[in-house]
N, C-alpha and C. Protein backbone atom coordinates (compact mmCIF):
# COMPACT_ATOMS: atom_id res chain seq x y z
N TYR A 1 48.19 20.41 -26.75
CA TYR A 1 46.50 19.88 -27.20
C TYR A 1 46.37 19.33 -25.59
N ILE A 2 45.29 19.85 -25.07
CA ILE A 2 44.74 19.10 -24.02
C ILE A 2 43.65 18.88 -24.41
N CYS A 3 42.91 17.81 -24.00
CA CYS A 3 41.89 16.77 -24.48
C CYS A 3 40.59 16.55 -23.32
N PHE A 4 39.52 16.92 -23.34
CA PHE A 4 39.08 16.44 -21.67
C PHE A 4 37.87 15.35 -22.77
N PHE A 5 37.68 14.36 -22.04
CA PHE A 5 36.61 13.36 -22.16
C PHE A 5 35.61 12.94 -21.23
N ARG A 6 34.63 13.49 -21.40
CA ARG A 6 33.60 12.77 -20.58
C ARG A 6 33.06 11.71 -20.25
N TYR A 7 33.06 10.74 -19.73
CA TYR A 7 32.55 9.49 -19.61
C TYR A 7 31.46 9.21 -18.68
N LYS A 8 30.32 9.12 -18.83
CA LYS A 8 29.19 8.67 -18.14
C LYS A 8 28.72 7.17 -18.08
N THR A 9 28.75 6.54 -16.66
CA THR A 9 28.59 5.01 -16.23
C THR A 9 26.95 5.54 -15.85
N ASN A 10 26.22 4.80 -16.28
CA ASN A 10 24.92 4.06 -15.76
C ASN A 10 24.74 3.32 -14.63
N ILE A 11 25.18 4.18 -13.62
CA ILE A 11 25.37 3.08 -12.56
C ILE A 11 23.85 3.18 -11.82
N ILE A 12 23.52 2.13 -11.04
CA ILE A 12 22.17 2.15 -10.71
C ILE A 12 22.19 1.90 -9.46
N LEU A 13 22.00 2.73 -8.75
CA LEU A 13 21.82 2.36 -7.13
C LEU A 13 20.93 1.90 -6.59
N PHE A 14 19.76 2.10 -7.14
CA PHE A 14 18.63 1.57 -6.70
C PHE A 14 18.36 0.30 -7.12
N THR A 15 17.40 -0.47 -6.30
CA THR A 15 17.22 -2.08 -7.17
C THR A 15 15.80 -2.21 -6.70
N ILE A 16 15.29 -3.30 -7.75
CA ILE A 16 13.59 -3.64 -7.11
C ILE A 16 13.56 -4.88 -7.13
N LYS A 17 13.33 -5.86 -6.19
CA LYS A 17 12.82 -7.16 -5.94
C LYS A 17 11.82 -7.57 -5.74
N HIS A 18 11.20 -8.58 -6.47
CA HIS A 18 10.02 -9.43 -6.54
C HIS A 18 10.40 -10.34 -5.62
N ILE A 19 9.55 -10.70 -4.68
CA ILE A 19 9.58 -12.05 -4.02
C ILE A 19 8.39 -12.84 -3.79
N ASP A 20 7.96 -14.06 -4.31
CA ASP A 20 6.87 -14.48 -4.70
C ASP A 20 7.33 -15.96 -4.18
N ASN A 21 6.51 -16.29 -3.11
CA ASN A 21 6.53 -17.81 -2.95
C ASN A 21 5.19 -18.16 -3.08
N PRO A 22 5.56 -19.38 -3.84
CA PRO A 22 4.13 -20.08 -4.47
C PRO A 22 3.81 -20.83 -2.96
N THR A 23 4.88 -21.24 -2.47
CA THR A 23 4.19 -22.21 -1.11
C THR A 23 3.68 -21.55 -0.09
N GLN A 24 3.52 -20.10 -0.19
CA GLN A 24 2.60 -19.65 0.68
C GLN A 24 2.51 -18.80 0.08
N PRO A 25 1.01 -17.78 0.77
CA PRO A 25 0.36 -16.56 0.22
C PRO A 25 1.31 -15.69 0.42
N VAL A 26 2.57 -15.10 -0.17
CA VAL A 26 3.21 -14.43 -0.02
C VAL A 26 3.50 -13.75 -0.72
N GLU A 27 3.64 -12.01 -1.43
CA GLU A 27 4.05 -11.71 -2.76
C GLU A 27 4.09 -9.97 -2.20
N TYR A 28 5.68 -9.58 -2.06
CA TYR A 28 5.94 -8.73 -2.13
C TYR A 28 7.13 -7.99 -2.87
N PHE A 29 7.71 -6.67 -2.84
CA PHE A 29 8.75 -5.79 -3.28
C PHE A 29 9.65 -5.42 -2.03
N GLU A 30 10.76 -5.56 -2.58
CA GLU A 30 12.01 -5.17 -1.91
C GLU A 30 12.45 -3.58 -2.81
N LEU A 31 12.51 -2.49 -1.94
CA LEU A 31 12.99 -1.34 -2.92
C LEU A 31 14.14 -1.39 -2.12
N LYS A 32 15.77 -1.10 -2.79
CA LYS A 32 16.65 -0.63 -1.78
C LYS A 32 18.14 0.12 -2.78
N ASN A 33 18.73 0.53 -1.79
CA ASN A 33 19.30 1.32 -2.40
C ASN A 33 20.94 0.36 -2.56
N SER A 34 21.98 0.80 -2.86
CA SER A 34 22.89 -0.43 -3.19
C SER A 34 23.49 -0.21 -1.90
N ASP A 35 23.62 0.20 -0.70
CA ASP A 35 24.27 -0.17 0.51
C ASP A 35 23.28 -0.39 1.68
N ASN A 36 21.71 -0.79 1.19
CA ASN A 36 20.64 -1.15 2.09
C ASN A 36 20.67 -0.10 2.80
N SER A 37 20.97 1.47 3.13
CA SER A 37 20.46 1.96 4.25
C SER A 37 18.90 2.74 3.50
N SER A 38 18.73 2.69 3.13
CA SER A 38 17.35 2.91 2.29
C SER A 38 16.64 1.62 2.03
N TYR A 39 15.32 1.21 2.56
CA TYR A 39 14.95 0.31 2.17
C TYR A 39 13.54 -0.02 2.40
N ALA A 40 12.78 -0.77 1.56
CA ALA A 40 10.94 -0.70 1.68
C ALA A 40 10.54 -2.02 1.08
N LYS A 41 10.10 -2.01 1.98
CA LYS A 41 8.98 -3.53 1.81
C LYS A 41 7.56 -3.11 1.39
N ILE A 42 6.82 -3.68 0.33
CA ILE A 42 5.40 -3.18 0.11
C ILE A 42 4.76 -4.66 -0.47
N ASP A 43 4.03 -5.03 0.50
CA ASP A 43 3.28 -6.58 0.53
C ASP A 43 2.13 -6.11 -0.55
N LEU A 44 1.89 -7.23 -1.54
CA LEU A 44 0.81 -7.29 -2.30
C LEU A 44 -0.16 -7.83 -1.84
N THR A 45 0.28 -9.23 -0.68
CA THR A 45 -1.08 -9.58 -0.14
C THR A 45 -1.95 -8.99 0.88
N PHE A 46 -1.17 -7.88 1.56
CA PHE A 46 -1.53 -7.14 2.48
C PHE A 46 -1.99 -6.11 1.89
N GLY A 47 -2.88 -5.70 1.03
CA GLY A 47 -3.41 -4.60 0.71
C GLY A 47 -2.60 -3.41 -0.11
N GLY A 48 -1.30 -3.88 -0.48
CA GLY A 48 -0.67 -2.94 -1.26
C GLY A 48 0.22 -2.04 0.45
N SER A 49 0.42 -2.99 1.33
CA SER A 49 0.75 -1.88 2.53
C SER A 49 2.63 -1.86 2.72
N LEU A 50 2.52 -0.50 3.46
CA LEU A 50 4.18 -0.68 3.68
C LEU A 50 4.78 -1.33 4.52
N GLN A 51 5.07 -2.75 5.02
CA GLN A 51 5.45 -3.18 5.69
C GLN A 51 7.05 -3.08 6.64
N GLU A 52 7.57 -2.55 5.67
CA GLU A 52 8.77 -2.18 6.19
C GLU A 52 9.26 -1.05 5.84
N LEU A 53 10.51 -0.13 6.66
CA LEU A 53 10.78 0.94 5.84
C LEU A 53 11.75 1.07 6.58
N LYS A 54 13.22 1.78 6.40
CA LYS A 54 14.29 2.06 6.43
C LYS A 54 14.82 3.34 5.79
N LEU A 55 15.59 4.44 6.32
CA LEU A 55 15.71 5.51 5.90
C LEU A 55 17.06 6.10 6.77
N PHE A 56 18.47 6.09 5.96
CA PHE A 56 19.35 6.76 6.81
C PHE A 56 19.96 5.82 7.63
N ASP A 57 19.61 4.28 7.43
CA ASP A 57 20.17 3.08 8.16
C ASP A 57 18.94 3.08 9.38
N LYS A 58 17.98 3.82 9.65
CA LYS A 58 17.00 3.78 10.72
C LYS A 58 15.98 2.76 10.30
N THR A 59 15.59 1.99 11.09
CA THR A 59 14.27 1.41 11.11
C THR A 59 13.02 2.44 11.57
N ILE A 60 12.22 2.76 10.57
CA ILE A 60 10.93 3.74 11.04
C ILE A 60 10.06 2.58 11.28
N ILE A 61 9.81 1.81 10.09
CA ILE A 61 8.53 0.83 9.97
C ILE A 61 9.06 -0.82 10.11
N SER A 62 8.24 -1.05 10.99
CA SER A 62 9.16 -2.85 11.19
C SER A 62 7.85 -3.55 11.68
N ASN A 63 7.47 -4.27 10.94
CA ASN A 63 5.91 -5.27 11.60
C ASN A 63 6.44 -7.03 11.69
N LYS A 64 7.67 -6.92 12.07
CA LYS A 64 8.46 -8.29 12.41
C LYS A 64 7.51 -8.74 13.87
N HIS A 65 7.40 -7.94 14.51
CA HIS A 65 7.01 -8.16 15.83
C HIS A 65 5.21 -8.45 16.06
N ILE A 66 5.09 -7.95 14.90
CA ILE A 66 3.14 -7.99 15.08
C ILE A 66 2.70 -9.43 14.22
N PRO A 67 2.42 -10.29 15.13
CA PRO A 67 1.75 -11.80 14.45
C PRO A 67 0.96 -11.47 13.41
N PHE A 68 -0.36 -10.85 13.80
CA PHE A 68 -1.40 -11.56 12.99
C PHE A 68 -1.93 -9.67 12.55
N TYR A 69 -1.69 -9.41 10.85
CA TYR A 69 -1.93 -8.88 10.47
C TYR A 69 -3.54 -8.08 10.37
N LYS A 70 -4.17 -9.16 10.36
CA LYS A 70 -5.55 -8.98 9.84
C LYS A 70 -6.23 -8.47 11.27
N LYS A 71 -5.51 -8.85 12.43
CA LYS A 71 -6.08 -8.14 13.64
C LYS A 71 -5.48 -6.90 13.83
N ALA A 72 -4.09 -6.47 13.70
CA ALA A 72 -3.38 -5.08 13.83
C ALA A 72 -3.28 -4.45 12.74
N PHE A 73 -3.79 -4.63 11.39
CA PHE A 73 -3.76 -3.84 10.21
C PHE A 73 -2.46 -3.08 10.11
N ALA A 74 -1.28 -3.81 10.40
CA ALA A 74 -0.22 -2.60 10.78
C ALA A 74 0.01 -2.46 9.12
N SER A 75 0.24 -1.28 9.45
CA SER A 75 0.57 -0.34 7.99
C SER A 75 -0.15 -0.76 6.71
N SER A 76 -1.36 -0.72 6.97
CA SER A 76 -2.49 -0.81 6.22
C SER A 76 -3.02 0.19 5.42
N LEU A 77 -3.30 0.43 4.52
CA LEU A 77 -4.34 1.41 3.43
C LEU A 77 -5.62 1.28 4.23
N LEU A 78 -6.12 2.51 4.45
CA LEU A 78 -7.49 2.35 4.81
C LEU A 78 -8.36 3.22 3.67
N PHE A 79 -9.31 2.51 2.86
CA PHE A 79 -10.25 2.79 1.79
C PHE A 79 -11.22 1.63 1.86
N PRO A 80 -12.61 2.37 1.13
CA PRO A 80 -12.96 3.36 1.39
C PRO A 80 -13.52 4.16 2.82
N PHE A 81 -13.02 3.47 3.76
CA PHE A 81 -13.45 3.96 4.94
C PHE A 81 -12.20 4.10 5.80
N ALA A 82 -11.78 4.86 6.86
CA ALA A 82 -10.95 4.76 7.98
C ALA A 82 -11.61 4.42 9.34
N ASN A 83 -10.94 4.22 10.24
CA ASN A 83 -11.27 3.95 11.32
C ASN A 83 -12.54 3.01 11.69
N ARG A 84 -13.70 3.39 12.45
CA ARG A 84 -14.67 2.30 12.46
C ARG A 84 -16.14 3.20 11.87
N ILE A 85 -16.80 2.20 11.48
CA ILE A 85 -18.04 2.62 11.35
C ILE A 85 -19.14 1.65 12.59
N ALA A 86 -19.82 2.28 13.26
CA ALA A 86 -20.59 1.65 14.20
C ALA A 86 -21.56 0.68 13.47
N ASN A 87 -21.48 -0.70 14.21
CA ASN A 87 -22.55 -1.63 13.38
C ASN A 87 -22.61 -1.67 11.90
N GLY A 88 -21.26 -1.26 11.56
CA GLY A 88 -21.40 -1.09 10.17
C GLY A 88 -22.48 -0.79 9.05
N ARG A 89 -23.10 0.55 9.83
CA ARG A 89 -24.21 1.21 9.28
C ARG A 89 -23.65 2.44 8.59
N TYR A 90 -24.35 2.97 7.98
CA TYR A 90 -24.14 4.37 7.20
C TYR A 90 -24.90 5.11 6.35
N HIS A 91 -25.29 5.99 6.13
CA HIS A 91 -26.52 6.69 5.56
C HIS A 91 -25.67 7.32 4.18
N PHE A 92 -26.05 7.54 2.96
CA PHE A 92 -25.33 8.04 1.91
C PHE A 92 -26.45 7.81 0.82
N ASN A 93 -26.65 9.67 0.18
CA ASN A 93 -27.68 9.42 -0.70
C ASN A 93 -29.14 9.29 -0.79
N ASN A 94 -29.49 9.54 0.71
CA ASN A 94 -30.79 8.89 0.98
C ASN A 94 -31.12 7.51 0.94
N LYS A 95 -29.94 7.01 1.02
CA LYS A 95 -29.83 5.44 1.59
C LYS A 95 -29.23 4.73 2.41
N ASN A 96 -29.77 4.19 3.16
CA ASN A 96 -29.09 3.09 4.01
C ASN A 96 -28.15 2.02 3.40
N TYR A 97 -27.46 1.78 4.36
CA TYR A 97 -25.89 0.88 3.81
C TYR A 97 -25.50 -0.13 4.91
N GLN A 98 -25.35 -1.34 5.00
CA GLN A 98 -24.79 -2.47 5.95
C GLN A 98 -23.87 -2.98 5.62
N LEU A 99 -22.56 -2.69 6.11
CA LEU A 99 -21.02 -3.06 5.89
C LEU A 99 -21.07 -4.70 6.77
N ASP A 100 -20.18 -5.20 6.22
CA ASP A 100 -19.93 -6.42 7.28
C ASP A 100 -19.28 -6.04 8.30
N THR A 101 -19.34 -6.18 9.85
CA THR A 101 -18.45 -6.09 10.69
C THR A 101 -17.28 -6.95 11.05
N ASN A 102 -16.13 -6.38 10.78
CA ASN A 102 -14.90 -7.61 11.08
C ASN A 102 -14.19 -6.68 12.36
N GLU A 103 -15.06 -6.48 13.45
CA GLU A 103 -14.37 -6.03 14.66
C GLU A 103 -15.82 -6.57 15.36
N VAL A 104 -15.74 -7.84 15.61
CA VAL A 104 -17.29 -8.53 15.93
C VAL A 104 -17.43 -7.98 17.60
N ASP A 105 -16.39 -8.34 18.23
CA ASP A 105 -16.49 -7.86 19.58
C ASP A 105 -17.33 -6.38 19.69
N ARG A 106 -16.91 -6.00 19.04
CA ARG A 106 -17.44 -4.41 19.14
C ARG A 106 -19.03 -4.14 18.11
N GLN A 107 -18.77 -5.02 17.13
CA GLN A 107 -19.79 -4.67 16.19
C GLN A 107 -19.62 -3.48 15.47
N ASN A 108 -18.08 -3.62 14.83
CA ASN A 108 -17.87 -2.12 13.76
C ASN A 108 -17.20 -2.94 12.93
N ALA A 109 -17.63 -1.93 11.72
CA ALA A 109 -16.87 -2.33 10.27
C ALA A 109 -15.51 -1.65 10.63
N LEU A 110 -14.62 -2.13 10.25
CA LEU A 110 -13.18 -1.30 10.86
C LEU A 110 -12.52 -1.59 9.46
N HIS A 111 -11.53 -0.18 9.26
CA HIS A 111 -10.42 0.19 8.93
C HIS A 111 -10.74 -0.44 6.87
N GLY A 112 -11.76 -0.07 6.62
CA GLY A 112 -12.10 0.13 5.00
C GLY A 112 -12.10 -1.35 4.15
N LEU A 113 -11.85 -1.53 3.18
CA LEU A 113 -12.41 -3.01 2.36
C LEU A 113 -11.13 -3.73 1.71
N VAL A 114 -9.88 -2.67 1.67
CA VAL A 114 -9.00 -3.09 0.43
C VAL A 114 -7.60 -3.84 1.30
N TYR A 115 -7.49 -3.81 3.14
CA TYR A 115 -6.44 -3.96 3.88
C TYR A 115 -6.18 -5.16 3.48
N ASP A 116 -6.64 -6.21 3.21
CA ASP A 116 -6.20 -7.60 2.84
C ASP A 116 -6.98 -7.88 1.08
N LYS A 117 -6.88 -7.37 0.44
CA LYS A 117 -7.08 -7.58 -0.81
C LYS A 117 -5.56 -7.74 -1.50
N THR A 118 -5.48 -8.20 -2.27
CA THR A 118 -4.15 -8.53 -3.46
C THR A 118 -3.82 -7.40 -4.47
N PHE A 119 -3.17 -7.03 -4.43
CA PHE A 119 -2.68 -6.17 -5.61
C PHE A 119 -1.85 -6.41 -6.38
N LYS A 120 -1.95 -5.68 -7.76
CA LYS A 120 -0.74 -6.35 -8.85
C LYS A 120 0.00 -4.99 -9.10
N LEU A 121 1.05 -5.66 -9.88
CA LEU A 121 1.79 -4.74 -10.27
C LEU A 121 1.40 -4.39 -11.75
N ILE A 122 1.85 -2.75 -11.76
CA ILE A 122 1.45 -2.37 -12.91
C ILE A 122 2.58 -2.04 -13.75
N GLY A 123 3.52 -0.95 -12.87
CA GLY A 123 5.17 -0.64 -13.69
C GLY A 123 5.91 -0.48 -12.16
N GLN A 124 7.01 -0.30 -12.73
CA GLN A 124 8.49 -0.56 -11.88
C GLN A 124 9.39 0.62 -12.71
N GLU A 125 9.88 1.29 -12.01
CA GLU A 125 11.48 1.87 -12.26
C GLU A 125 12.40 2.19 -11.48
N ASN A 126 13.62 1.82 -12.03
CA ASN A 126 14.68 2.19 -10.56
C ASN A 126 15.81 3.03 -11.51
N SER A 127 16.46 3.71 -10.71
CA SER A 127 17.36 5.02 -11.35
C SER A 127 18.74 4.76 -10.46
N GLU A 128 19.49 5.92 -10.73
CA GLU A 128 20.82 6.01 -9.91
C GLU A 128 20.39 6.90 -8.44
N THR A 129 19.17 7.56 -8.33
CA THR A 129 18.52 8.05 -7.07
C THR A 129 17.40 7.85 -6.59
N SER A 130 16.92 6.72 -7.53
CA SER A 130 15.35 6.40 -6.48
C SER A 130 14.70 4.91 -7.51
N ALA A 131 13.70 4.33 -6.49
CA ALA A 131 12.71 3.16 -7.06
C ALA A 131 11.77 3.43 -6.93
N SER A 132 10.48 2.93 -7.71
CA SER A 132 9.49 2.98 -8.25
C SER A 132 8.85 1.90 -8.43
N ILE A 133 7.49 1.95 -7.71
CA ILE A 133 6.28 0.55 -8.13
C ILE A 133 5.01 1.48 -8.26
N ILE A 134 4.65 0.98 -8.83
CA ILE A 134 2.92 1.60 -8.98
C ILE A 134 2.34 0.10 -8.96
N ILE A 135 1.54 -0.34 -7.94
CA ILE A 135 0.05 -1.05 -7.82
C ILE A 135 -1.19 -1.25 -8.04
N GLY A 136 -1.56 -1.71 -8.12
CA GLY A 136 -3.25 -1.08 -8.20
C GLY A 136 -4.00 -2.48 -7.82
N TYR A 137 -5.49 -2.36 -7.45
CA TYR A 137 -6.52 -3.31 -7.20
C TYR A 137 -7.49 -2.62 -7.61
N ASP A 138 -8.37 -3.51 -8.67
CA ASP A 138 -9.76 -3.13 -8.96
C ASP A 138 -11.16 -4.00 -8.82
N GLU A 139 -12.05 -2.98 -7.85
CA GLU A 139 -12.83 -3.90 -7.12
C GLU A 139 -13.74 -4.03 -8.46
N VAL A 140 -14.13 -5.43 -8.92
CA VAL A 140 -15.35 -5.30 -9.94
C VAL A 140 -16.78 -5.90 -9.35
N GLN A 141 -16.73 -6.12 -8.14
CA GLN A 141 -17.90 -6.93 -7.58
C GLN A 141 -18.22 -5.79 -6.81
N SER A 142 -19.75 -5.97 -6.70
CA SER A 142 -20.41 -5.32 -5.88
C SER A 142 -20.55 -5.80 -4.70
N ILE A 143 -20.77 -5.03 -3.44
CA ILE A 143 -21.04 -6.01 -2.03
C ILE A 143 -22.10 -4.91 -1.52
N SER A 144 -22.88 -5.48 -0.69
CA SER A 144 -24.11 -4.90 -0.15
C SER A 144 -23.99 -3.57 0.18
N GLY A 145 -22.63 -3.65 1.38
CA GLY A 145 -22.19 -2.21 1.55
C GLY A 145 -21.62 -1.34 1.45
N PHE A 146 -21.24 -1.46 -0.14
CA PHE A 146 -20.34 -0.37 -0.81
C PHE A 146 -20.47 -1.13 -1.74
N PRO A 147 -21.96 -0.71 -2.25
CA PRO A 147 -21.98 -1.57 -4.04
C PRO A 147 -21.89 -0.21 -5.12
N TYR A 148 -20.47 -0.15 -5.34
CA TYR A 148 -19.38 0.27 -6.30
C TYR A 148 -17.79 0.25 -6.57
N LYS A 149 -17.95 0.06 -7.83
CA LYS A 149 -16.53 -0.31 -8.66
C LYS A 149 -15.89 0.77 -8.42
N TYR A 150 -14.60 0.80 -8.39
CA TYR A 150 -13.39 0.99 -8.41
C TYR A 150 -12.20 0.83 -8.46
N SER A 151 -11.38 1.58 -8.69
CA SER A 151 -9.74 1.22 -8.99
C SER A 151 -9.26 1.92 -7.80
N ILE A 152 -7.98 1.58 -7.24
CA ILE A 152 -7.00 2.53 -6.39
C ILE A 152 -5.90 1.75 -6.86
N LYS A 153 -5.04 2.76 -6.98
CA LYS A 153 -3.70 2.73 -7.59
C LYS A 153 -2.57 3.47 -6.46
N LEU A 154 -1.12 2.68 -6.04
CA LEU A 154 -0.31 3.56 -5.07
C LEU A 154 0.93 3.38 -5.75
N GLN A 155 1.52 4.35 -5.88
CA GLN A 155 2.67 4.55 -6.13
C GLN A 155 3.87 5.12 -4.85
N TYR A 156 4.71 3.96 -4.69
CA TYR A 156 5.51 4.18 -3.70
C TYR A 156 6.70 4.88 -4.57
N ILE A 157 7.49 5.69 -3.82
CA ILE A 157 8.71 6.12 -4.68
C ILE A 157 9.86 6.46 -3.53
N LEU A 158 10.71 5.69 -3.54
CA LEU A 158 12.21 5.34 -2.51
C LEU A 158 13.09 6.19 -3.07
N THR A 159 13.68 7.20 -2.50
CA THR A 159 15.45 7.63 -2.45
C THR A 159 15.84 7.50 -1.61
N GLU A 160 17.00 8.39 -1.57
CA GLU A 160 17.98 8.15 -0.34
C GLU A 160 17.61 8.30 0.92
N ASN A 161 16.80 9.56 0.85
CA ASN A 161 15.76 10.04 2.77
C ASN A 161 14.46 9.96 2.62
N SER A 162 13.76 9.48 1.54
CA SER A 162 12.21 9.66 1.74
C SER A 162 11.75 8.66 0.88
N LEU A 163 10.50 8.29 1.61
CA LEU A 163 9.62 7.61 0.97
C LEU A 163 8.27 7.97 0.77
N GLU A 164 7.91 8.06 -0.59
CA GLU A 164 6.88 9.09 -1.16
C GLU A 164 5.79 8.26 -1.83
N LEU A 165 4.34 8.19 -0.97
CA LEU A 165 2.85 7.40 -1.43
C LEU A 165 2.28 8.27 -2.33
N ILE A 166 1.88 7.97 -3.42
CA ILE A 166 0.67 8.78 -4.10
C ILE A 166 -0.36 7.83 -4.46
N VAL A 167 -1.18 8.09 -4.07
CA VAL A 167 -2.89 7.34 -3.97
C VAL A 167 -3.47 7.83 -5.51
N GLU A 168 -3.96 7.00 -5.81
CA GLU A 168 -4.94 7.68 -6.93
C GLU A 168 -6.49 6.43 -6.69
N ILE A 169 -7.53 7.30 -6.93
CA ILE A 169 -8.74 6.17 -6.76
C ILE A 169 -9.73 6.94 -7.47
N GLN A 170 -10.07 6.06 -8.72
CA GLN A 170 -10.82 6.22 -9.53
C GLN A 170 -12.34 5.25 -9.56
N ASN A 171 -13.40 6.25 -9.70
CA ASN A 171 -14.65 5.86 -9.43
C ASN A 171 -14.67 5.06 -11.16
N ASN A 172 -15.01 3.59 -10.71
CA ASN A 172 -15.24 3.00 -12.03
C ASN A 172 -17.32 2.57 -12.39
N ASP A 173 -17.96 3.28 -11.29
CA ASP A 173 -19.20 3.05 -11.06
C ASP A 173 -19.78 4.41 -11.73
N GLN A 174 -21.05 3.93 -11.92
CA GLN A 174 -22.36 4.90 -12.65
C GLN A 174 -22.58 5.52 -11.45
N ASN A 175 -22.53 5.70 -10.25
CA ASN A 175 -23.08 6.50 -9.12
C ASN A 175 -21.67 7.07 -8.21
N GLU A 176 -21.90 8.52 -7.73
CA GLU A 176 -20.79 8.88 -7.07
C GLU A 176 -20.67 8.06 -5.61
N PHE A 177 -19.88 7.80 -5.21
CA PHE A 177 -19.71 7.19 -3.73
C PHE A 177 -19.03 7.99 -2.42
N PRO A 178 -19.41 7.62 -1.44
CA PRO A 178 -18.53 8.24 -0.35
C PRO A 178 -17.28 7.29 -0.25
N PHE A 179 -16.24 7.95 0.22
CA PHE A 179 -14.65 7.34 0.79
C PHE A 179 -14.00 8.32 1.75
N SER A 180 -13.31 7.93 2.14
CA SER A 180 -12.02 8.56 2.76
C SER A 180 -10.93 7.66 2.57
N LEU A 181 -9.63 8.42 2.91
CA LEU A 181 -8.60 7.65 3.40
C LEU A 181 -7.57 7.50 4.03
N GLY A 182 -6.73 6.48 4.58
CA GLY A 182 -6.13 6.68 5.63
C GLY A 182 -4.88 5.69 5.63
N TRP A 183 -4.36 5.69 6.79
CA TRP A 183 -2.97 4.98 6.58
C TRP A 183 -3.03 4.45 8.24
N HIS A 184 -2.48 3.28 8.48
CA HIS A 184 -2.63 2.42 9.91
C HIS A 184 -0.96 2.11 10.11
N PRO A 185 -0.06 3.30 10.51
CA PRO A 185 1.47 2.51 10.66
C PRO A 185 1.55 2.06 12.04
N TYR A 186 2.60 1.19 12.06
CA TYR A 186 3.13 0.77 13.59
C TYR A 186 4.69 1.15 13.44
N PHE A 187 4.86 2.66 13.81
CA PHE A 187 6.48 3.07 13.57
C PHE A 187 7.39 2.53 14.80
N ALA A 188 8.41 1.75 14.62
CA ALA A 188 9.54 1.25 15.21
C ALA A 188 10.18 2.46 16.14
N THR A 189 9.79 2.90 17.67
CA THR A 189 9.99 3.53 18.04
C THR A 189 11.01 3.09 19.48
């Protein structure tokens, strides 16, 4: 008689680590595989942005050399508008709106409204082949330049050879609103 036994182990090759420093306004997640050749750092305090990415042991995004996030917007997600709005003014549904101008020297509203928001963890999952986190931000206050309530969810999925980002926007307001979506990466070249 010949007997065959199949034995399966649940080896977790991908891990998720939460870093929260109570002495500094820093909170982020590290997603990585067991040999650290695939790695992603997602910063909750900088608008849920991807601050570092390494695939196949090659650095693709590294913002260590960029000293001021709020001036560089390194890897920030741009919502509800990307790029610049001259003088912070726009017209939508027969109404005029005035956004704050955060690019003061040029008098522009720059790179949306979530780049400096703090996101919260919604869920996480890791397995032999991937690590995934879902984070979100809920805007519950109306501002004069964008008087709408919304939720934005970001799901980052890291595998051995890729990083996928799934973005979900939900209108929590009674009125429709305009938006665009962008990303401001600083690639390591």
